[in-house]
N, C-alpha and C. Protein backbone atom coordinates (compact mmCIF):
# COMPACT_ATOMS: atom_id res chain seq x y z
N MET A 1 -64.88 -0.11 -74.56
CA MET A 1 -64.16 0.74 -75.24
C MET A 1 -62.98 1.31 -74.02
N ARG A 2 -63.52 1.34 -72.82
CA ARG A 2 -62.20 1.74 -72.12
C ARG A 2 -61.08 0.77 -71.87
N PHE A 3 -61.58 -0.45 -72.03
CA PHE A 3 -60.56 -1.62 -72.35
C PHE A 3 -59.77 -1.50 -73.14
N LEU A 4 -59.79 -1.08 -74.23
CA LEU A 4 -59.08 -1.09 -75.42
C LEU A 4 -58.21 0.29 -75.38
N HIS A 5 -58.44 1.30 -74.60
CA HIS A 5 -57.57 2.17 -74.19
C HIS A 5 -56.42 1.85 -73.25
N LEU A 6 -56.90 0.85 -72.46
CA LEU A 6 -55.68 0.14 -71.70
C LEU A 6 -54.94 -0.97 -72.40
N VAL A 7 -55.77 -1.35 -73.12
CA VAL A 7 -54.81 -2.86 -73.71
C VAL A 7 -53.93 -2.27 -75.13
N ALA A 8 -54.29 -1.37 -75.92
CA ALA A 8 -53.65 -0.88 -76.81
C ALA A 8 -52.41 -0.42 -76.45
N PRO A 9 -52.06 0.60 -75.57
CA PRO A 9 -51.08 1.18 -75.17
C PRO A 9 -49.76 0.11 -74.68
N ALA A 10 -50.57 -0.88 -73.87
CA ALA A 10 -49.67 -1.96 -73.14
C ALA A 10 -49.35 -2.81 -74.16
N ALA A 11 -49.83 -3.36 -75.21
CA ALA A 11 -49.60 -4.11 -76.11
C ALA A 11 -48.52 -3.25 -77.04
N LEU A 12 -48.46 -2.14 -77.42
CA LEU A 12 -47.66 -1.16 -78.22
C LEU A 12 -46.25 -1.30 -77.33
N LEU A 13 -46.41 -1.13 -75.89
CA LEU A 13 -44.88 -1.07 -74.98
C LEU A 13 -44.33 -2.30 -75.08
N LEU A 14 -45.18 -3.39 -75.15
CA LEU A 14 -44.71 -4.99 -75.22
C LEU A 14 -43.71 -5.30 -76.66
N THR A 15 -44.62 -4.49 -77.51
CA THR A 15 -43.88 -4.72 -79.07
C THR A 15 -42.72 -4.03 -78.95
N ALA A 16 -42.60 -2.87 -78.43
CA ALA A 16 -41.27 -1.92 -78.46
C ALA A 16 -40.32 -2.48 -77.91
N CYS A 17 -40.75 -3.05 -76.54
CA CYS A 17 -39.53 -3.67 -75.77
C CYS A 17 -38.81 -4.67 -76.58
N GLY A 18 -39.56 -5.61 -77.20
CA GLY A 18 -38.94 -6.72 -77.77
C GLY A 18 -38.20 -7.62 -76.62
N THR A 19 -37.10 -8.30 -77.10
CA THR A 19 -36.31 -9.26 -76.31
C THR A 19 -35.45 -8.29 -75.29
N ALA A 20 -34.71 -8.93 -74.25
CA ALA A 20 -33.75 -8.19 -73.32
C ALA A 20 -32.50 -7.97 -74.14
N GLY A 21 -32.26 -6.72 -74.04
CA GLY A 21 -31.06 -6.25 -74.78
C GLY A 21 -31.25 -5.97 -76.25
N GLY A 22 -32.50 -5.83 -76.65
CA GLY A 22 -32.79 -5.77 -78.22
C GLY A 22 -32.34 -7.07 -79.13
N GLN A 23 -31.85 -8.17 -78.25
CA GLN A 23 -31.60 -9.28 -79.15
C GLN A 23 -32.33 -10.27 -79.68
N GLU A 24 -32.60 -11.10 -80.65
CA GLU A 24 -33.42 -12.02 -81.09
C GLU A 24 -32.89 -13.07 -80.28
N PRO A 25 -33.78 -13.84 -79.50
CA PRO A 25 -33.23 -14.95 -79.16
C PRO A 25 -33.15 -16.41 -79.76
N ASP A 26 -32.38 -17.44 -79.88
CA ASP A 26 -31.93 -18.39 -80.41
C ASP A 26 -33.15 -19.31 -80.02
N ALA A 27 -32.89 -20.74 -80.42
CA ALA A 27 -33.97 -21.67 -80.07
C ALA A 27 -33.99 -21.98 -78.66
N ALA A 28 -33.06 -21.53 -77.63
CA ALA A 28 -33.24 -21.94 -76.35
C ALA A 28 -33.24 -20.71 -75.73
N GLY A 29 -33.66 -19.57 -76.35
CA GLY A 29 -34.19 -18.44 -75.46
C GLY A 29 -33.03 -17.56 -74.95
N SER A 30 -31.85 -17.54 -75.61
CA SER A 30 -30.70 -16.69 -75.36
C SER A 30 -30.12 -16.19 -76.47
N PRO A 31 -29.13 -15.39 -76.43
CA PRO A 31 -28.70 -14.69 -77.82
C PRO A 31 -27.86 -15.67 -78.27
N GLY A 32 -27.71 -15.65 -79.62
CA GLY A 32 -27.04 -16.67 -80.36
C GLY A 32 -25.25 -16.89 -80.08
N ALA A 33 -24.63 -17.74 -80.37
CA ALA A 33 -23.17 -17.95 -80.28
C ALA A 33 -22.60 -17.08 -81.01
N ALA A 34 -22.78 -16.67 -81.99
CA ALA A 34 -22.27 -15.54 -82.91
C ALA A 34 -22.08 -14.16 -81.91
N GLU A 35 -23.43 -13.80 -81.01
CA GLU A 35 -23.41 -12.82 -80.62
C GLU A 35 -22.44 -12.94 -79.38
N ARG A 36 -21.99 -13.76 -78.70
CA ARG A 36 -20.85 -14.14 -77.68
C ARG A 36 -19.64 -14.63 -78.23
N THR A 37 -18.85 -14.17 -78.80
CA THR A 37 -17.81 -14.62 -79.37
C THR A 37 -16.53 -13.47 -79.06
N LEU A 38 -15.63 -14.22 -78.35
CA LEU A 38 -14.42 -13.35 -77.97
C LEU A 38 -13.05 -13.72 -78.29
N VAL A 39 -12.00 -12.85 -78.35
CA VAL A 39 -10.59 -13.33 -78.73
C VAL A 39 -9.83 -12.68 -77.36
N VAL A 40 -9.34 -13.53 -76.81
CA VAL A 40 -8.33 -13.17 -75.72
C VAL A 40 -7.25 -13.15 -76.26
N GLU A 41 -6.30 -12.30 -75.88
CA GLU A 41 -4.64 -12.39 -76.24
C GLU A 41 -4.21 -11.63 -74.92
N VAL A 42 -3.34 -12.45 -74.25
CA VAL A 42 -2.43 -12.53 -73.08
C VAL A 42 -1.21 -12.19 -73.21
N ASP A 43 -0.33 -11.34 -72.69
CA ASP A 43 0.96 -11.19 -72.90
C ASP A 43 1.49 -11.16 -71.38
N ALA A 44 2.13 -12.04 -70.87
CA ALA A 44 2.78 -12.23 -69.74
C ALA A 44 3.81 -11.37 -69.16
N GLY A 45 4.36 -10.71 -70.29
CA GLY A 45 5.22 -9.62 -69.88
C GLY A 45 6.52 -9.87 -69.83
N ASP A 46 6.95 -11.31 -70.12
CA ASP A 46 8.09 -11.86 -70.02
C ASP A 46 9.13 -11.81 -71.19
N GLY A 47 8.64 -11.45 -72.29
CA GLY A 47 9.21 -11.31 -73.32
C GLY A 47 9.15 -12.27 -74.24
N GLY A 48 8.14 -13.45 -74.01
CA GLY A 48 7.66 -14.39 -74.88
C GLY A 48 6.43 -14.05 -75.62
N PRO A 49 6.06 -14.80 -76.51
CA PRO A 49 4.70 -14.39 -77.45
C PRO A 49 3.38 -14.49 -76.69
N PRO A 50 2.92 -13.55 -76.96
CA PRO A 50 1.31 -13.68 -76.36
C PRO A 50 0.53 -14.94 -76.67
N GLN A 51 -0.23 -15.17 -75.72
CA GLN A 51 -1.02 -16.30 -75.85
C GLN A 51 -2.44 -15.68 -76.37
N ARG A 52 -3.11 -16.37 -77.15
CA ARG A 52 -4.23 -16.08 -78.07
C ARG A 52 -5.37 -17.13 -78.10
N TRP A 53 -6.39 -16.84 -77.41
CA TRP A 53 -7.58 -17.87 -77.83
C TRP A 53 -8.84 -17.13 -78.38
N THR A 54 -9.67 -17.88 -78.68
CA THR A 54 -11.10 -17.72 -79.16
C THR A 54 -11.91 -18.19 -78.00
N LEU A 55 -13.32 -17.92 -77.96
CA LEU A 55 -14.13 -18.25 -76.81
C LEU A 55 -15.15 -18.04 -77.47
N VAL A 56 -16.41 -18.96 -77.46
CA VAL A 56 -17.68 -18.93 -78.12
C VAL A 56 -18.58 -19.43 -76.91
N CYS A 57 -19.39 -18.49 -76.55
CA CYS A 57 -20.06 -18.71 -75.27
C CYS A 57 -21.65 -18.93 -75.78
N GLY A 58 -22.04 -20.22 -76.50
CA GLY A 58 -23.38 -20.23 -76.75
C GLY A 58 -24.34 -21.54 -76.16
N ASP A 59 -24.93 -22.26 -76.56
CA ASP A 59 -25.34 -23.40 -75.91
C ASP A 59 -24.35 -24.39 -75.11
N GLU A 60 -22.99 -24.24 -75.81
CA GLU A 60 -21.96 -24.98 -75.39
C GLU A 60 -20.97 -24.14 -75.32
N ALA A 61 -19.94 -24.01 -74.33
CA ALA A 61 -18.76 -22.89 -74.54
C ALA A 61 -17.68 -23.76 -75.33
N THR A 62 -17.34 -23.08 -76.37
CA THR A 62 -16.30 -23.71 -77.27
C THR A 62 -15.16 -22.67 -77.62
N GLY A 63 -14.28 -23.05 -78.16
CA GLY A 63 -13.13 -22.35 -78.68
C GLY A 63 -11.86 -22.87 -78.27
N GLU A 64 -10.66 -22.11 -78.53
CA GLU A 64 -9.41 -22.69 -78.24
C GLU A 64 -8.80 -22.23 -76.72
N HIS A 65 -9.79 -21.61 -75.89
CA HIS A 65 -9.57 -21.11 -74.52
C HIS A 65 -9.36 -22.14 -73.60
N PRO A 66 -8.51 -22.35 -72.92
CA PRO A 66 -8.21 -23.69 -72.06
C PRO A 66 -8.98 -23.79 -71.43
N GLU A 67 -10.07 -22.79 -70.70
CA GLU A 67 -10.99 -23.17 -69.85
C GLU A 67 -12.39 -22.60 -70.50
N PRO A 68 -12.95 -23.08 -71.51
CA PRO A 68 -13.98 -22.36 -72.20
C PRO A 68 -15.57 -22.40 -71.26
N ALA A 69 -15.86 -23.25 -70.85
CA ALA A 69 -17.03 -23.51 -69.74
C ALA A 69 -16.70 -22.51 -68.41
N ALA A 70 -15.71 -22.51 -67.89
CA ALA A 70 -15.54 -21.71 -66.83
C ALA A 70 -15.29 -20.58 -67.13
N ALA A 71 -14.96 -19.92 -68.32
CA ALA A 71 -14.44 -18.54 -68.77
C ALA A 71 -16.08 -17.93 -69.12
N CYS A 72 -16.70 -18.58 -69.69
CA CYS A 72 -18.01 -18.20 -70.12
C CYS A 72 -18.98 -18.07 -68.93
N ALA A 73 -19.08 -19.11 -67.96
CA ALA A 73 -19.91 -18.92 -66.77
C ALA A 73 -19.45 -17.62 -66.26
N ARG A 74 -17.99 -17.43 -65.91
CA ARG A 74 -17.51 -16.06 -65.45
C ARG A 74 -18.14 -14.99 -66.06
N VAL A 75 -18.04 -14.64 -67.26
CA VAL A 75 -18.38 -13.44 -67.93
C VAL A 75 -20.25 -13.45 -67.81
N LEU A 76 -20.77 -14.63 -68.00
CA LEU A 76 -22.04 -14.61 -68.07
C LEU A 76 -22.93 -14.31 -66.34
N ARG A 77 -21.88 -14.54 -65.76
CA ARG A 77 -22.60 -14.20 -64.22
C ARG A 77 -22.08 -12.83 -63.63
N THR A 78 -21.41 -11.98 -64.56
CA THR A 78 -20.74 -10.87 -64.29
C THR A 78 -21.36 -9.62 -64.77
N ASP A 79 -21.99 -8.68 -63.93
CA ASP A 79 -22.74 -7.64 -64.41
C ASP A 79 -22.18 -6.78 -65.51
N ASP A 80 -22.16 -6.66 -66.27
CA ASP A 80 -21.47 -5.61 -67.64
C ASP A 80 -20.06 -5.85 -67.38
N PRO A 81 -19.59 -7.04 -67.73
CA PRO A 81 -18.43 -7.52 -67.59
C PRO A 81 -17.26 -6.50 -68.30
N PHE A 82 -17.46 -5.78 -69.17
CA PHE A 82 -16.70 -5.09 -69.99
C PHE A 82 -16.82 -3.67 -70.06
N ALA A 83 -17.49 -3.36 -69.26
CA ALA A 83 -17.62 -2.02 -69.05
C ALA A 83 -16.35 -0.89 -68.30
N PRO A 84 -16.11 0.21 -68.87
CA PRO A 84 -15.05 0.64 -68.28
C PRO A 84 -15.12 1.00 -66.75
N PRO A 85 -13.96 1.27 -66.05
CA PRO A 85 -14.30 1.66 -64.68
C PRO A 85 -14.60 3.19 -64.77
N PRO A 86 -15.17 3.48 -63.45
CA PRO A 86 -15.67 5.04 -63.59
C PRO A 86 -14.50 5.96 -63.69
N ALA A 87 -14.66 7.15 -64.24
CA ALA A 87 -13.60 7.95 -64.09
C ALA A 87 -12.97 8.45 -63.12
N ASP A 88 -13.93 8.64 -62.19
CA ASP A 88 -13.50 9.28 -60.76
C ASP A 88 -13.03 7.98 -59.75
N LEU A 89 -12.68 6.85 -60.37
CA LEU A 89 -12.52 6.09 -59.22
C LEU A 89 -11.08 6.11 -58.67
N VAL A 90 -11.01 6.21 -57.62
CA VAL A 90 -9.50 6.00 -56.87
C VAL A 90 -8.93 4.79 -56.53
N CYS A 91 -7.66 4.77 -56.90
CA CYS A 91 -7.05 3.61 -57.10
C CYS A 91 -5.78 3.32 -56.34
N THR A 92 -5.47 2.35 -55.80
CA THR A 92 -4.36 2.19 -54.82
C THR A 92 -2.97 1.95 -56.01
N GLN A 93 -2.12 2.57 -55.21
CA GLN A 93 -0.78 2.45 -56.42
C GLN A 93 0.21 0.85 -55.93
N LEU A 94 -0.91 0.10 -56.23
CA LEU A 94 -0.22 -1.37 -56.05
C LEU A 94 0.05 -1.97 -57.49
N TYR A 95 1.15 -2.32 -57.73
CA TYR A 95 1.82 -2.88 -58.73
C TYR A 95 1.61 -4.39 -58.99
N GLY A 96 0.70 -4.85 -59.98
CA GLY A 96 0.44 -6.47 -59.78
C GLY A 96 1.33 -7.18 -60.77
N GLY A 97 1.91 -6.53 -61.62
CA GLY A 97 2.78 -7.36 -62.47
C GLY A 97 2.63 -6.92 -63.95
N PRO A 98 3.78 -7.35 -64.75
CA PRO A 98 3.65 -6.77 -66.16
C PRO A 98 2.96 -7.23 -67.25
N GLU A 99 1.82 -8.39 -66.60
CA GLU A 99 0.85 -8.95 -67.41
C GLU A 99 -0.17 -8.11 -68.32
N THR A 100 -0.55 -8.07 -69.31
CA THR A 100 -1.65 -7.49 -70.09
C THR A 100 -2.55 -8.27 -70.86
N ALA A 101 -3.36 -7.73 -71.19
CA ALA A 101 -4.55 -8.60 -71.99
C ALA A 101 -5.39 -7.67 -72.89
N ARG A 102 -5.86 -8.04 -73.89
CA ARG A 102 -6.63 -7.38 -74.75
C ARG A 102 -7.97 -8.55 -75.13
N VAL A 103 -9.20 -8.05 -74.79
CA VAL A 103 -10.38 -8.88 -75.27
C VAL A 103 -10.92 -8.28 -76.30
N THR A 104 -11.43 -8.85 -77.21
CA THR A 104 -12.13 -8.19 -78.42
C THR A 104 -13.39 -9.17 -78.92
N GLY A 105 -14.15 -8.62 -79.37
CA GLY A 105 -15.10 -9.70 -80.29
C GLY A 105 -16.73 -8.99 -79.93
N THR A 106 -17.45 -9.64 -79.73
CA THR A 106 -18.99 -9.62 -79.74
C THR A 106 -19.69 -10.03 -78.49
N TRP A 107 -20.31 -9.23 -77.65
CA TRP A 107 -20.84 -9.93 -76.23
C TRP A 107 -22.39 -9.49 -76.39
N ASP A 108 -23.23 -10.28 -76.57
CA ASP A 108 -24.81 -10.11 -76.68
C ASP A 108 -25.18 -9.00 -77.39
N GLY A 109 -24.34 -8.89 -78.81
CA GLY A 109 -24.79 -7.94 -79.99
C GLY A 109 -23.80 -6.81 -79.55
N ASP A 110 -22.93 -6.53 -78.49
CA ASP A 110 -22.41 -5.18 -78.53
C ASP A 110 -20.71 -5.65 -78.91
N PRO A 111 -20.22 -4.79 -79.56
CA PRO A 111 -18.78 -4.83 -79.69
C PRO A 111 -18.10 -4.68 -78.41
N VAL A 112 -16.94 -5.54 -78.28
CA VAL A 112 -16.11 -5.59 -76.73
C VAL A 112 -14.56 -5.32 -77.77
N ASP A 113 -14.03 -4.33 -76.94
CA ASP A 113 -12.54 -4.25 -77.13
C ASP A 113 -12.10 -3.53 -75.96
N VAL A 114 -11.46 -4.52 -74.98
CA VAL A 114 -11.15 -4.05 -73.62
C VAL A 114 -9.57 -4.30 -73.64
N GLU A 115 -8.83 -3.30 -72.96
CA GLU A 115 -7.56 -3.51 -72.56
C GLU A 115 -7.40 -3.77 -71.28
N LEU A 116 -6.67 -4.78 -70.65
CA LEU A 116 -6.46 -5.13 -69.08
C LEU A 116 -4.80 -4.95 -68.78
N SER A 117 -4.92 -4.66 -67.81
CA SER A 117 -3.24 -4.69 -67.07
C SER A 117 -3.26 -4.71 -65.36
N ARG A 118 -2.34 -4.92 -65.06
CA ARG A 118 -2.23 -4.98 -63.54
C ARG A 118 -1.41 -3.77 -63.06
N GLU A 119 -1.47 -2.73 -63.47
CA GLU A 119 -0.62 -1.60 -63.09
C GLU A 119 -1.19 -0.91 -61.91
N ASP A 120 -2.11 -0.98 -61.37
CA ASP A 120 -2.62 -0.26 -59.95
C ASP A 120 -4.00 -1.45 -59.34
N GLY A 121 -4.20 -1.01 -58.24
CA GLY A 121 -5.19 -1.70 -57.43
C GLY A 121 -6.43 -1.97 -58.20
N CYS A 122 -6.84 -0.89 -59.21
CA CYS A 122 -7.96 -0.92 -59.85
C CYS A 122 -8.11 -1.92 -61.17
N ALA A 123 -6.84 -2.13 -61.66
CA ALA A 123 -6.70 -2.66 -62.96
C ALA A 123 -6.74 -4.20 -62.22
N ILE A 124 -6.11 -4.14 -61.34
CA ILE A 124 -5.73 -5.64 -60.47
C ILE A 124 -7.17 -6.42 -60.36
N ALA A 125 -8.02 -5.33 -59.77
CA ALA A 125 -9.24 -5.84 -59.40
C ALA A 125 -10.19 -6.40 -60.45
N ARG A 126 -10.14 -5.41 -61.48
CA ARG A 126 -10.71 -5.54 -62.92
C ARG A 126 -10.29 -7.03 -63.75
N TRP A 127 -8.93 -7.20 -63.65
CA TRP A 127 -8.50 -8.19 -64.12
C TRP A 127 -8.95 -9.43 -63.27
N ASP A 128 -8.69 -9.49 -61.74
CA ASP A 128 -9.18 -10.56 -61.12
C ASP A 128 -10.81 -11.04 -61.39
N SER A 129 -11.40 -9.95 -61.81
CA SER A 129 -12.78 -10.26 -61.68
C SER A 129 -13.35 -10.73 -63.01
N LEU A 130 -12.53 -11.11 -63.90
CA LEU A 130 -12.35 -11.86 -65.22
C LEU A 130 -11.88 -13.16 -65.37
N VAL A 131 -11.25 -13.63 -64.41
CA VAL A 131 -10.60 -14.87 -64.20
C VAL A 131 -11.55 -15.93 -63.98
N PRO A 132 -11.46 -16.94 -64.90
CA PRO A 132 -10.65 -17.48 -65.90
C PRO A 132 -10.76 -17.07 -67.15
N LEU A 133 -11.42 -16.08 -67.34
CA LEU A 133 -11.46 -15.41 -69.04
C LEU A 133 -9.81 -15.23 -69.03
N VAL A 134 -9.25 -14.47 -68.28
CA VAL A 134 -7.93 -14.22 -68.52
C VAL A 134 -7.28 -15.15 -67.49
N PRO A 135 -6.04 -15.36 -67.44
CA PRO A 135 -5.54 -16.25 -66.54
C PRO A 135 -5.26 -15.84 -65.09
N LEU A 136 -5.35 -16.72 -63.97
CA LEU A 136 -5.03 -16.37 -62.58
C LEU A 136 -3.45 -16.17 -62.61
N VAL A 137 -3.14 -14.73 -62.05
CA VAL A 137 -1.85 -14.36 -61.82
C VAL A 137 -1.78 -14.17 -60.20
N PRO A 138 -1.17 -15.26 -59.61
CA PRO A 138 -0.94 -15.28 -58.21
C PRO A 138 0.08 -14.41 -57.73
N GLY A 139 0.26 -14.40 -56.71
CA GLY A 139 1.49 -13.14 -56.06
C GLY A 139 0.79 -11.90 -55.68
N PRO A 140 1.84 -11.00 -55.62
CA PRO A 140 1.56 -9.91 -55.16
C PRO A 140 0.54 -8.96 -55.87
N GLY A 141 -0.83 -8.65 -55.17
CA GLY A 141 -1.90 -7.73 -55.79
C GLY A 141 -2.73 -8.88 -56.54
N GLY A 142 -2.40 -9.81 -56.67
CA GLY A 142 -3.05 -10.90 -57.63
C GLY A 142 -3.75 -11.99 -56.60
N LEU A 143 -4.77 -12.51 -56.91
CA LEU A 143 -5.35 -13.43 -56.50
C LEU A 143 -4.61 -14.82 -55.99
N GLU A 144 -4.49 -15.31 -55.01
CA GLU A 144 -3.49 -16.41 -54.50
C GLU A 144 -4.08 -17.76 -55.02
N ALA A 145 -3.20 -18.54 -55.40
CA ALA A 145 -3.40 -19.66 -56.19
C ALA A 145 -4.22 -20.55 -55.02
N PRO A 146 -5.16 -21.41 -55.55
CA PRO A 146 -5.82 -22.37 -54.75
C PRO A 146 -5.00 -23.24 -53.93
N ALA A 147 -5.12 -23.84 -52.64
CA ALA A 147 -4.35 -24.52 -51.95
C ALA A 147 -4.56 -26.13 -52.42
């Protein structure tokens, strides 16, 4: 009888927890592609039309994004990639350029709506942490182009 007192609460706990993030896994054991679909819109700030790509990170990386596999890999290995910066974050007043981006969609079942810029040191760091989801911006305050 004592054994049942230990097993029953453990079984309930495991049932309540479900899968990681509350998502039902697909056949490969990871959230389905529909749950990792993003639209990336980038404005270079040069007066030209913004670029717009879709990105689907499923068993295979697909979409119109110029580097879907690299973009998916980057976001997948970043802890909470779309979390807002802390409210008390102190940022350098370093201007990184006029580029802006907006990322919308769904990631692991959660809605995504993130606006990025390069207006200060924190914004530059956030942008650079998501390259190649957003394009590399070489120069002052940005990542340097590979040699």
